[in-house]
Structures are given as C-alpha cells and as structure tokens.
PDB file of N, CA and C in Angstrom:
ATOM      1  N   UNK A   1      88.391  70.487 135.995  1.00  0.00           N
ATOM      2  CA  UNK A   1      89.009  70.827 134.739  1.00  0.00           C
ATOM      3  C   UNK A   1      88.782  72.319 134.449  1.00  0.00           C
ATOM      4  N   UNK A   2      89.836  72.983 134.097  1.00  0.00           N
ATOM      5  CA  UNK A   2      89.775  74.410 133.820  1.00  0.00           C
ATOM      6  C   UNK A   2      89.433  74.633 132.342  1.00  0.00           C
ATOM      7  N   UNK A   3      88.485  75.496 132.099  1.00  0.00           N
ATOM      8  CA  UNK A   3      88.146  75.831 130.716  1.00  0.00           C
ATOM      9  C   UNK A   3      88.775  77.170 130.367  1.00  0.00           C
ATOM     10  N   UNK A   4      89.200  77.266 129.153  1.00  0.00           N
ATOM     11  CA  UNK A   4      89.786  78.520 128.688  1.00  0.00           C
ATOM     12  C   UNK A   4      88.804  79.191 127.739  1.00  0.00           C
ATOM     13  N   UNK A   5      88.786  80.465 127.805  1.00  0.00           N
ATOM     14  CA  UNK A   5      87.921  81.236 126.925  1.00  0.00           C
ATOM     15  C   UNK A   5      88.770  81.856 125.831  1.00  0.00           C
ATOM     16  N   UNK A   6      88.365  81.590 124.627  1.00  0.00           N
ATOM     17  CA  UNK A   6      89.076  82.188 123.492  1.00  0.00           C
ATOM     18  C   UNK A   6      88.404  83.492 123.108  1.00  0.00           C
ATOM     19  N   UNK A   7      89.217  84.420 122.727  1.00  0.00           N
ATOM     20  CA  UNK A   7      88.681  85.681 122.235  1.00  0.00           C
ATOM     21  C   UNK A   7      88.440  85.550 120.746  1.00  0.00           C
ATOM     22  N   UNK A   8      87.354  86.134 120.301  1.00  0.00           N
ATOM     23  CA  UNK A   8      87.055  86.144 118.879  1.00  0.00           C
ATOM     24  C   UNK A   8      88.033  87.076 118.197  1.00  0.00           C
ATOM     25  N   UNK A   9      88.607  86.593 117.126  1.00  0.00           N
ATOM     26  CA  UNK A   9      89.567  87.408 116.386  1.00  0.00           C
ATOM     27  C   UNK A   9      88.828  88.451 115.568  1.00  0.00           C
ATOM     28  N   UNK A  10      89.262  89.670 115.676  1.00  0.00           N
ATOM     29  CA  UNK A  10      88.642  90.766 114.938  1.00  0.00           C
ATOM     30  C   UNK A  10      88.944  90.625 113.452  1.00  0.00           C
ATOM     31  N   UNK A  11      87.996  90.985 112.596  1.00  0.00           N
ATOM     32  CA  UNK A  11      88.239  90.927 111.156  1.00  0.00           C
ATOM     33  C   UNK A  11      89.394  91.847 110.758  1.00  0.00           C
ATOM     34  N   UNK A  12      90.137  91.426 109.764  1.00  0.00           N
ATOM     35  CA  UNK A  12      91.263  92.221 109.287  1.00  0.00           C
ATOM     36  C   UNK A  12      90.758  93.215 108.244  1.00  0.00           C
ATOM     37  N   UNK A  13      90.390  94.388 108.695  1.00  0.00           N
ATOM     38  CA  UNK A  13      89.826  95.407 107.806  1.00  0.00           C
ATOM     39  C   UNK A  13      90.832  95.870 106.768  1.00  0.00           C
ATOM     40  N   UNK A  14      92.085  95.931 107.157  1.00  0.00           N
ATOM     41  CA  UNK A  14      93.125  96.367 106.221  1.00  0.00           C
ATOM     42  C   UNK A  14      93.203  95.405 105.030  1.00  0.00           C
ATOM     43  N   UNK A  15      93.135  94.114 105.306  1.00  0.00           N
ATOM     44  CA  UNK A  15      93.174  93.121 104.228  1.00  0.00           C
ATOM     45  C   UNK A  15      91.938  93.229 103.349  1.00  0.00           C
ATOM     46  N   UNK A  16      90.751  93.354 103.972  1.00  0.00           N
ATOM     47  CA  UNK A  16      89.512  93.466 103.185  1.00  0.00           C
ATOM     48  C   UNK A  16      89.556  94.667 102.257  1.00  0.00           C
ATOM     49  N   UNK A  17      90.036  95.794 102.763  1.00  0.00           N
ATOM     50  CA  UNK A  17      90.123  97.012 101.934  1.00  0.00           C
ATOM     51  C   UNK A  17      91.099  96.804 100.771  1.00  0.00           C
ATOM     52  N   UNK A  18      92.249  96.217 101.059  1.00  0.00           N
ATOM     53  CA  UNK A  18      93.255  95.988 100.017  1.00  0.00           C
ATOM     54  C   UNK A  18      92.739  94.996  98.977  1.00  0.00           C
ATOM     55  N   UNK A  19      92.055  93.957  99.424  1.00  0.00           N
ATOM     56  CA  UNK A  19      91.491  92.988  98.488  1.00  0.00           C
ATOM     57  C   UNK A  19      90.442  93.648  97.613  1.00  0.00           C
ATOM     58  N   UNK A  20      89.602  94.460  98.214  1.00  0.00           N
ATOM     59  CA  UNK A  20      88.587  95.181  97.444  1.00  0.00           C
ATOM     60  C   UNK A  20      89.203  96.093  96.404  1.00  0.00           C
ATOM     61  N   UNK A  21      90.264  96.776  96.784  1.00  0.00           N
ATOM     62  CA  UNK A  21      90.960  97.667  95.831  1.00  0.00           C
ATOM     63  C   UNK A  21      91.554  96.850  94.691  1.00  0.00           C
ATOM     64  N   UNK A  22      92.121  95.701  95.007  1.00  0.00           N
ATOM     65  CA  UNK A  22      92.699  94.828  93.973  1.00  0.00           C
ATOM     66  C   UNK A  22      91.624  94.358  93.003  1.00  0.00           C
ATOM     67  N   UNK A  23      90.498  93.940  93.529  1.00  0.00           N
ATOM     68  CA  UNK A  23      89.408  93.472  92.670  1.00  0.00           C
ATOM     69  C   UNK A  23      88.932  94.598  91.771  1.00  0.00           C
ATOM     70  N   UNK A  24      88.768  95.780  92.343  1.00  0.00           N
ATOM     71  CA  UNK A  24      88.320  96.928  91.551  1.00  0.00           C
ATOM     72  C   UNK A  24      89.321  97.258  90.438  1.00  0.00           C
ATOM     73  N   UNK A  25      90.610  97.245  90.769  1.00  0.00           N
ATOM     74  CA  UNK A  25      91.635  97.540  89.759  1.00  0.00           C
ATOM     75  C   UNK A  25      91.629  96.497  88.646  1.00  0.00           C
ATOM     76  N   UNK A  26      91.511  95.228  89.012  1.00  0.00           N
ATOM     77  CA  UNK A  26      91.465  94.167  88.001  1.00  0.00           C
ATOM     78  C   UNK A  26      90.218  94.293  87.130  1.00  0.00           C
ATOM     79  N   UNK A  27      89.091  94.590  87.769  1.00  0.00           N
ATOM     80  CA  UNK A  27      87.829  94.736  87.028  1.00  0.00           C
ATOM     81  C   UNK A  27      87.925  95.890  86.035  1.00  0.00           C
ATOM     82  N   UNK A  28      88.427  97.021  86.498  1.00  0.00           N
ATOM     83  CA  UNK A  28      88.567  98.174  85.603  1.00  0.00           C
ATOM     84  C   UNK A  28      89.615  97.907  84.519  1.00  0.00           C
ATOM     85  N   UNK A  29      90.615  97.089  84.846  1.00  0.00           N
ATOM     86  CA  UNK A  29      91.655  96.737  83.874  1.00  0.00           C
ATOM     87  C   UNK A  29      91.126  95.958  82.678  1.00  0.00           C
ATOM     88  N   UNK A  30      90.043  95.207  82.892  1.00  0.00           N
ATOM     89  CA  UNK A  30      89.435  94.486  81.757  1.00  0.00           C
ATOM     90  C   UNK A  30      88.157  95.189  81.300  1.00  0.00           C
ATOM     91  N   UNK A  31      87.945  96.390  81.849  1.00  0.00           N
ATOM     92  CA  UNK A  31      86.874  97.277  81.419  1.00  0.00           C
ATOM     93  C   UNK A  31      85.482  96.642  81.516  1.00  0.00           C
ATOM     94  N   UNK A  32      85.167  96.088  82.701  1.00  0.00           N
ATOM     95  CA  UNK A  32      83.817  95.595  82.924  1.00  0.00           C
ATOM     96  C   UNK A  32      83.212  96.269  84.148  1.00  0.00           C
ATOM     97  N   UNK A  33      81.902  96.345  84.181  1.00  0.00           N
ATOM     98  CA  UNK A  33      81.197  96.971  85.294  1.00  0.00           C
ATOM     99  C   UNK A  33      81.046  95.991  86.452  1.00  0.00           C
ATOM    100  N   UNK A  34      80.632  96.533  87.585  1.00  0.00           N
ATOM    101  CA  UNK A  34      80.323  95.668  88.716  1.00  0.00           C
ATOM    102  C   UNK A  34      79.183  94.719  88.361  1.00  0.00           C
ATOM    103  N   UNK A  35      78.215  95.226  87.600  1.00  0.00           N
ATOM    104  CA  UNK A  35      77.086  94.391  87.192  1.00  0.00           C
ATOM    105  C   UNK A  35      77.559  93.224  86.322  1.00  0.00           C
ATOM    106  N   UNK A  36      78.481  93.498  85.397  1.00  0.00           N
ATOM    107  CA  UNK A  36      78.994  92.430  84.533  1.00  0.00           C
ATOM    108  C   UNK A  36      79.803  91.420  85.334  1.00  0.00           C
ATOM    109  N   UNK A  37      80.640  91.893  86.258  1.00  0.00           N
ATOM    110  CA  UNK A  37      81.399  90.977  87.104  1.00  0.00           C
ATOM    111  C   UNK A  37      80.445  90.137  87.946  1.00  0.00           C
ATOM    112  N   UNK A  38      79.406  90.775  88.455  1.00  0.00           N
ATOM    113  CA  UNK A  38      78.400  90.045  89.220  1.00  0.00           C
ATOM    114  C   UNK A  38      77.713  88.980  88.381  1.00  0.00           C
ATOM    115  N   UNK A  39      77.367  89.319  87.157  1.00  0.00           N
ATOM    116  CA  UNK A  39      76.723  88.350  86.263  1.00  0.00           C
ATOM    117  C   UNK A  39      77.631  87.160  85.998  1.00  0.00           C
ATOM    118  N   UNK A  40      78.890  87.445  85.709  1.00  0.00           N
ATOM    119  CA  UNK A  40      79.835  86.380  85.365  1.00  0.00           C
ATOM    120  C   UNK A  40      80.212  85.500  86.555  1.00  0.00           C
ATOM    121  N   UNK A  41      80.062  86.031  87.763  1.00  0.00           N
ATOM    122  CA  UNK A  41      80.399  85.250  88.964  1.00  0.00           C
ATOM    123  C   UNK A  41      79.166  84.714  89.684  1.00  0.00           C
ATOM    124  N   UNK A  42      77.990  85.163  89.276  1.00  0.00           N
ATOM    125  CA  UNK A  42      76.765  84.734  89.940  1.00  0.00           C
ATOM    126  C   UNK A  42      76.503  85.446  91.248  1.00  0.00           C
ATOM    127  N   UNK A  43      77.030  86.653  91.371  1.00  0.00           N
ATOM    128  CA  UNK A  43      76.907  87.446  92.595  1.00  0.00           C
ATOM    129  C   UNK A  43      76.200  88.754  92.243  1.00  0.00           C
ATOM    130  N   UNK A  44      75.350  89.233  93.118  1.00  0.00           N
ATOM    131  CA  UNK A  44      74.642  90.485  92.864  1.00  0.00           C
ATOM    132  C   UNK A  44      75.635  91.643  92.827  1.00  0.00           C
ATOM    133  N   UNK A  45      75.397  92.602  91.967  1.00  0.00           N
ATOM    134  CA  UNK A  45      76.317  93.740  91.815  1.00  0.00           C
ATOM    135  C   UNK A  45      76.478  94.532  93.102  1.00  0.00           C
ATOM    136  N   UNK A  46      75.433  94.574  93.930  1.00  0.00           N
ATOM    137  CA  UNK A  46      75.546  95.270  95.223  1.00  0.00           C
ATOM    138  C   UNK A  46      76.590  94.589  96.110  1.00  0.00           C
ATOM    139  N   UNK A  47      76.642  93.272  96.045  1.00  0.00           N
ATOM    140  CA  UNK A  47      77.639  92.532  96.833  1.00  0.00           C
ATOM    141  C   UNK A  47      79.036  92.810  96.293  1.00  0.00           C
ATOM    142  N   UNK A  48      79.172  92.896  94.984  1.00  0.00           N
ATOM    143  CA  UNK A  48      80.474  93.247  94.387  1.00  0.00           C
ATOM    144  C   UNK A  48      80.925  94.598  94.940  1.00  0.00           C
ATOM    145  N   UNK A  49      80.022  95.559  94.996  1.00  0.00           N
ATOM    146  CA  UNK A  49      80.347  96.882  95.529  1.00  0.00           C
ATOM    147  C   UNK A  49      80.785  96.830  96.984  1.00  0.00           C
ATOM    148  N   UNK A  50      80.089  96.024  97.795  1.00  0.00           N
ATOM    149  CA  UNK A  50      80.460  95.900  99.210  1.00  0.00           C
ATOM    150  C   UNK A  50      81.833  95.251  99.360  1.00  0.00           C
ATOM    151  N   UNK A  51      82.131  94.289  98.502  1.00  0.00           N
ATOM    152  CA  UNK A  51      83.447  93.635  98.538  1.00  0.00           C
ATOM    153  C   UNK A  51      84.525  94.632  98.134  1.00  0.00           C
ATOM    154  N   UNK A  52      84.279  95.384  97.058  1.00  0.00           N
ATOM    155  CA  UNK A  52      85.273  96.358  96.590  1.00  0.00           C
ATOM    156  C   UNK A  52      85.523  97.465  97.608  1.00  0.00           C
ATOM    157  N   UNK A  53      84.524  97.815  98.382  1.00  0.00           N
ATOM    158  CA  UNK A  53      84.696  98.857  99.415  1.00  0.00           C
ATOM    159  C   UNK A  53      85.280  98.304 100.701  1.00  0.00           C
ATOM    160  N   UNK A  54      85.459  97.007 100.792  1.00  0.00           N
ATOM    161  CA  UNK A  54      86.033  96.396 101.977  1.00  0.00           C
ATOM    162  C   UNK A  54      85.047  96.225 103.111  1.00  0.00           C
ATOM    163  N   UNK A  55      83.773  96.292 102.808  1.00  0.00           N
ATOM    164  CA  UNK A  55      82.734  96.146 103.824  1.00  0.00           C
ATOM    165  C   UNK A  55      82.417  94.675 104.067  1.00  0.00           C
ATOM    166  N   UNK A  56      82.472  93.898 103.013  1.00  0.00           N
ATOM    167  CA  UNK A  56      82.104  92.483 103.088  1.00  0.00           C
ATOM    168  C   UNK A  56      83.264  91.616 102.639  1.00  0.00           C
ATOM    169  N   UNK A  57      83.431  90.490 103.311  1.00  0.00           N
ATOM    170  CA  UNK A  57      84.465  89.522 102.927  1.00  0.00           C
ATOM    171  C   UNK A  57      83.870  88.520 101.937  1.00  0.00           C
ATOM    172  N   UNK A  58      84.549  88.280 100.828  1.00  0.00           N
ATOM    173  CA  UNK A  58      84.040  87.291  99.881  1.00  0.00           C
ATOM    174  C   UNK A  58      84.330  85.867 100.349  1.00  0.00           C
ATOM    175  N   UNK A  59      83.485  84.946  99.945  1.00  0.00           N
ATOM    176  CA  UNK A  59      83.718  83.534 100.260  1.00  0.00           C
ATOM    177  C   UNK A  59      84.822  82.999  99.346  1.00  0.00           C
ATOM    178  N   UNK A  60      85.311  81.822  99.658  1.00  0.00           N
ATOM    179  CA  UNK A  60      86.328  81.208  98.792  1.00  0.00           C
ATOM    180  C   UNK A  60      85.745  80.896  97.425  1.00  0.00           C
ATOM    181  N   UNK A  61      84.472  80.497  97.368  1.00  0.00           N
ATOM    182  CA  UNK A  61      83.831  80.249  96.073  1.00  0.00           C
ATOM    183  C   UNK A  61      83.785  81.529  95.242  1.00  0.00           C
ATOM    184  N   UNK A  62      83.482  82.643  95.887  1.00  0.00           N
ATOM    185  CA  UNK A  62      83.447  83.932  95.197  1.00  0.00           C
ATOM    186  C   UNK A  62      84.835  84.310  94.693  1.00  0.00           C
ATOM    187  N   UNK A  63      85.851  84.118  95.525  1.00  0.00           N
ATOM    188  CA  UNK A  63      87.217  84.428  95.107  1.00  0.00           C
ATOM    189  C   UNK A  63      87.627  83.586  93.905  1.00  0.00           C
ATOM    190  N   UNK A  64      87.290  82.311  93.921  1.00  0.00           N
ATOM    191  CA  UNK A  64      87.620  81.439  92.790  1.00  0.00           C
ATOM    192  C   UNK A  64      86.894  81.876  91.522  1.00  0.00           C
ATOM    193  N   UNK A  65      85.631  82.259  91.664  1.00  0.00           N
ATOM    194  CA  UNK A  65      84.859  82.716  90.502  1.00  0.00           C
ATOM    195  C   UNK A  65      85.452  84.004  89.930  1.00  0.00           C
ATOM    196  N   UNK A  66      85.857  84.910  90.800  1.00  0.00           N
ATOM    197  CA  UNK A  66      86.453  86.169  90.336  1.00  0.00           C
ATOM    198  C   UNK A  66      87.791  85.907  89.645  1.00  0.00           C
ATOM    199  N   UNK A  67      88.600  85.074  90.235  1.00  0.00           N
ATOM    200  CA  UNK A  67      89.893  84.748  89.627  1.00  0.00           C
ATOM    201  C   UNK A  67      89.688  84.176  88.227  1.00  0.00           C
ATOM    202  N   UNK A  68      88.670  83.354  88.050  1.00  0.00           N
ATOM    203  CA  UNK A  68      88.375  82.770  86.734  1.00  0.00           C
ATOM    204  C   UNK A  68      87.986  83.855  85.729  1.00  0.00           C
ATOM    205  N   UNK A  69      87.186  84.829  86.167  1.00  0.00           N
ATOM    206  CA  UNK A  69      86.802  85.931  85.279  1.00  0.00           C
ATOM    207  C   UNK A  69      88.046  86.703  84.836  1.00  0.00           C
ATOM    208  N   UNK A  70      88.982  86.896  85.762  1.00  0.00           N
ATOM    209  CA  UNK A  70      90.212  87.626  85.445  1.00  0.00           C
ATOM    210  C   UNK A  70      91.267  86.725  84.802  1.00  0.00           C
ATOM    211  N   UNK A  71      90.889  85.464  84.545  1.00  0.00           N
ATOM    212  CA  UNK A  71      91.774  84.478  83.923  1.00  0.00           C
ATOM    213  C   UNK A  71      93.091  84.354  84.679  1.00  0.00           C
ATOM    214  N   UNK A  72      92.946  84.189  86.008  1.00  0.00           N
ATOM    215  CA  UNK A  72      94.100  84.073  86.887  1.00  0.00           C
ATOM    216  C   UNK A  72      93.940  82.840  87.769  1.00  0.00           C
ATOM    217  N   UNK A  73      95.059  82.295  88.185  1.00  0.00           N
ATOM    218  CA  UNK A  73      95.025  81.268  89.219  1.00  0.00           C
ATOM    219  C   UNK A  73      94.721  81.981  90.530  1.00  0.00           C
ATOM    220  N   UNK A  74      94.036  81.289  91.424  1.00  0.00           N
ATOM    221  CA  UNK A  74      93.661  81.906  92.695  1.00  0.00           C
ATOM    222  C   UNK A  74      94.873  82.411  93.460  1.00  0.00           C
ATOM    223  N   UNK A  75      95.971  81.660  93.445  1.00  0.00           N
ATOM    224  CA  UNK A  75      97.166  82.091  94.184  1.00  0.00           C
ATOM    225  C   UNK A  75      97.724  83.390  93.613  1.00  0.00           C
ATOM    226  N   UNK A  76      97.637  83.589  92.303  1.00  0.00           N
ATOM    227  CA  UNK A  76      98.103  84.832  91.691  1.00  0.00           C
ATOM    228  C   UNK A  76      97.126  85.978  91.961  1.00  0.00           C
ATOM    229  N   UNK A  77      95.856  85.652  91.964  1.00  0.00           N
ATOM    230  CA  UNK A  77      94.815  86.631  92.265  1.00  0.00           C
ATOM    231  C   UNK A  77      95.015  87.207  93.674  1.00  0.00           C
ATOM    232  N   UNK A  78      95.414  86.364  94.604  1.00  0.00           N
ATOM    233  CA  UNK A  78      95.594  86.788  95.986  1.00  0.00           C
ATOM    234  C   UNK A  78      97.014  87.259  96.304  1.00  0.00           C
ATOM    235  N   UNK A  79      97.856  87.321  95.307  1.00  0.00           N
ATOM    236  CA  UNK A  79      99.249  87.743  95.514  1.00  0.00           C
ATOM    237  C   UNK A  79      99.345  89.265  95.356  1.00  0.00           C
ATOM    238  N   UNK A  80      99.128  89.971  96.454  1.00  0.00           N
ATOM    239  CA  UNK A  80      99.222  91.422  96.458  1.00  0.00           C
ATOM    240  C   UNK A  80      99.656  91.883  97.830  1.00  0.00           C
ATOM    241  N   UNK A  81     100.191  93.076  97.902  1.00  0.00           N
ATOM    242  CA  UNK A  81     100.654  93.640  99.165  1.00  0.00           C
ATOM    243  C   UNK A  81      99.507  94.379  99.851  1.00  0.00           C
ATOM    244  N   UNK A  82      99.501  94.297 101.160  1.00  0.00           N
ATOM    245  CA  UNK A  82      98.507  95.070 101.922  1.00  0.00           C
ATOM    246  C   UNK A  82      99.089  95.526 103.232  1.00  0.00           C
TER     247      UNK A  82
END
C-alpha cells in the first residue's frame, strides 16, 4: 500500500493581517482600548495586540467573544475584504 505525504498548509498571513486590521478598526470605532476589549472577552491585552498585528490567529471562541462585544453576528464580523 502506497502512503501519501501531505504538505502542511502555510498560514494565511494576508488574512490574519486583514482580520487584525478589522478588529482594530472596530475597537477604535467604539472607542475602547485593547485592555478593555481583553477584559470584555476574557483575553489578555497582549494577545489582543498580537491578533491586531496579525501575528497570532484567534480561536473561534475568541472571534465569537469579539463579535459579541461589537454587537455583531459572527458572519457579519467576518464579512470583510482581504
């Protein structure tokens, strides 16, 4: 039996950067700090900064928590061009 080797898919840096920019714009739009967003989502402010800079990918739980802070449905929160 022949085994196939799959290549690991590289992270989509362009998407992470665009998502981070969207989160930052939404956060500034409601005039809250990274620390406040972190408090309201249960995430450390340093992690918020890494997400906004596109260094770290947020989990689905984090995305849902952020969408709730911005009073948006998750599908609308993720509806942006990149």
